[in-house]
Amino acid sequence: MNHNPTPVTVVITGKIKPGKMAMAKRELEANIKIVMAKEPACHGIRVYDDPKNPQQLLIIENWDSEEVFNGPHMQTPHMQTFFKKAEEFLDGEAGFRFWHEIITSNQ
């Protein structure tokens, strides 16, 4: 078992219901502020829209490990509240992929 956590980039894709994009952006922005203030294992969250598909969002998050993201982070009260609100604007289920960096230009 690996006892050294591996940093992970989480790539989340989601389709937003018609007419609900403003709500989605508002709820995401509010929740991201809470995550960044309360969860030191999160090292940044960016949200992108697709100009060719206006109902699609892409979220890229950097975490200490996949275990932290899937475990403690997902169980926080603010995430549980966010999931309930997301039911109003998310069209289907969000897709989650976990990526490990292998090359960086910052060294």
Protein backbone atom coordinates (compact mmCIF):
# COMPACT_ATOMS: atom_id res chain seq x y z
CA MET A 1 0.00 0.00 0.00
CA ASN A 2 1.29 3.45 -0.92
CA HIS A 3 1.61 5.59 2.23
CA ASN A 4 2.86 8.64 0.37
CA PRO A 5 -0.09 10.46 -1.16
CA THR A 6 0.25 11.21 -4.85
CA PRO A 7 -0.94 14.67 -5.91
CA VAL A 8 -3.88 14.42 -8.28
CA THR A 9 -5.59 16.64 -10.81
CA VAL A 10 -9.33 16.01 -10.87
CA VAL A 11 -11.07 16.75 -14.17
CA ILE A 12 -14.83 17.08 -13.84
CA THR A 13 -17.23 17.52 -16.74
CA GLY A 14 -20.89 18.30 -16.44
CA LYS A 15 -23.83 19.23 -18.61
CA ILE A 16 -26.04 22.01 -17.28
CA LYS A 17 -29.80 22.09 -17.76
CA PRO A 18 -31.11 24.72 -20.19
CA GLY A 19 -31.66 28.03 -18.39
CA LYS A 20 -29.68 26.94 -15.31
CA MET A 21 -26.13 28.07 -16.21
CA ALA A 22 -26.28 31.26 -14.12
CA MET A 23 -27.39 29.23 -11.10
CA ALA A 24 -24.66 26.65 -11.71
CA LYS A 25 -21.95 29.32 -11.88
CA ARG A 26 -23.26 31.07 -8.77
CA GLU A 27 -23.38 27.84 -6.73
CA LEU A 28 -19.98 26.71 -7.97
CA GLU A 29 -18.37 30.03 -7.12
CA ALA A 30 -19.84 30.03 -3.61
CA ASN A 31 -18.77 26.44 -2.96
CA ILE A 32 -15.27 26.96 -4.35
CA LYS A 33 -14.74 29.85 -1.91
CA ILE A 34 -15.65 27.54 0.98
CA VAL A 35 -13.43 24.71 -0.27
CA MET A 36 -10.44 27.01 -0.71
CA ALA A 37 -10.95 28.54 2.76
CA LYS A 38 -11.55 25.30 4.67
CA GLU A 39 -9.69 22.53 2.86
CA PRO A 40 -5.89 22.90 2.80
CA ALA A 41 -5.56 19.70 0.73
CA CYS A 42 -7.04 21.59 -2.24
CA HIS A 43 -4.48 23.57 -4.22
CA GLY A 44 -6.72 25.28 -6.73
CA ILE A 45 -9.95 25.01 -8.68
CA ARG A 46 -10.61 26.39 -12.14
CA VAL A 47 -13.92 26.35 -14.00
CA TYR A 48 -14.20 26.62 -17.79
CA ASP A 49 -17.09 26.91 -20.18
CA ASP A 50 -17.13 25.67 -23.76
CA PRO A 51 -18.00 28.44 -26.22
CA LYS A 52 -19.07 25.79 -28.75
CA ASN A 53 -21.26 23.96 -26.23
CA PRO A 54 -22.74 26.53 -23.83
CA GLN A 55 -24.39 23.92 -21.59
CA GLN A 56 -21.07 22.19 -20.77
CA LEU A 57 -18.69 23.00 -17.89
CA LEU A 58 -15.19 21.74 -17.20
CA ILE A 59 -13.73 21.92 -13.69
CA ILE A 60 -10.07 21.24 -12.95
CA GLU A 61 -9.05 20.78 -9.31
CA ASN A 62 -5.65 20.04 -7.76
CA TRP A 63 -5.60 17.92 -4.59
CA ASP A 64 -3.07 16.26 -2.29
CA SER A 65 -4.44 12.85 -3.33
CA GLU A 66 -7.38 11.03 -4.87
CA GLU A 67 -8.08 9.52 -1.45
CA VAL A 68 -8.50 12.96 0.14
CA PHE A 69 -10.75 14.12 -2.70
CA ASN A 70 -12.99 11.03 -2.64
CA GLY A 71 -12.94 10.64 1.13
CA PRO A 72 -12.87 13.59 3.53
CA HIS A 73 -13.61 16.26 0.89
CA MET A 74 -16.75 14.58 -0.41
CA GLN A 75 -18.07 14.10 3.13
CA THR A 76 -17.82 17.75 4.20
CA PRO A 77 -21.09 19.53 5.00
CA HIS A 78 -20.50 22.12 2.26
CA MET A 79 -20.08 19.40 -0.38
CA GLN A 80 -23.19 17.56 0.80
CA THR A 81 -25.14 20.83 0.56
CA PHE A 82 -23.66 21.52 -2.88
CA PHE A 83 -24.71 18.08 -4.18
CA LYS A 84 -28.32 18.79 -3.20
CA LYS A 85 -28.25 22.16 -4.99
CA ALA A 86 -26.54 20.63 -8.04
CA GLU A 87 -29.56 18.39 -8.60
CA GLU A 88 -31.40 21.55 -9.69
CA PHE A 89 -28.92 22.51 -12.42
CA LEU A 90 -26.95 19.40 -13.40
CA ASP A 91 -28.32 17.53 -16.42
CA GLY A 92 -27.34 13.92 -15.70
CA GLU A 93 -24.27 12.88 -13.74
CA ALA A 94 -20.97 14.71 -13.71
CA GLY A 95 -17.94 12.82 -15.01
CA PHE A 96 -14.85 12.51 -12.82
CA ARG A 97 -11.36 11.59 -14.01
CA PHE A 98 -8.17 11.52 -11.95
CA TRP A 99 -4.84 12.48 -13.49
CA HIS A 100 -1.26 12.34 -12.19
CA GLU A 101 1.23 14.86 -13.54
CA ILE A 102 4.24 13.33 -15.27
CA ILE A 103 5.90 16.36 -16.89
CA THR A 104 5.99 19.93 -15.62
CA SER A 105 7.62 23.06 -16.99
CA ASN A 106 7.85 24.72 -13.55
CA GLN A 107 11.12 23.03 -12.53
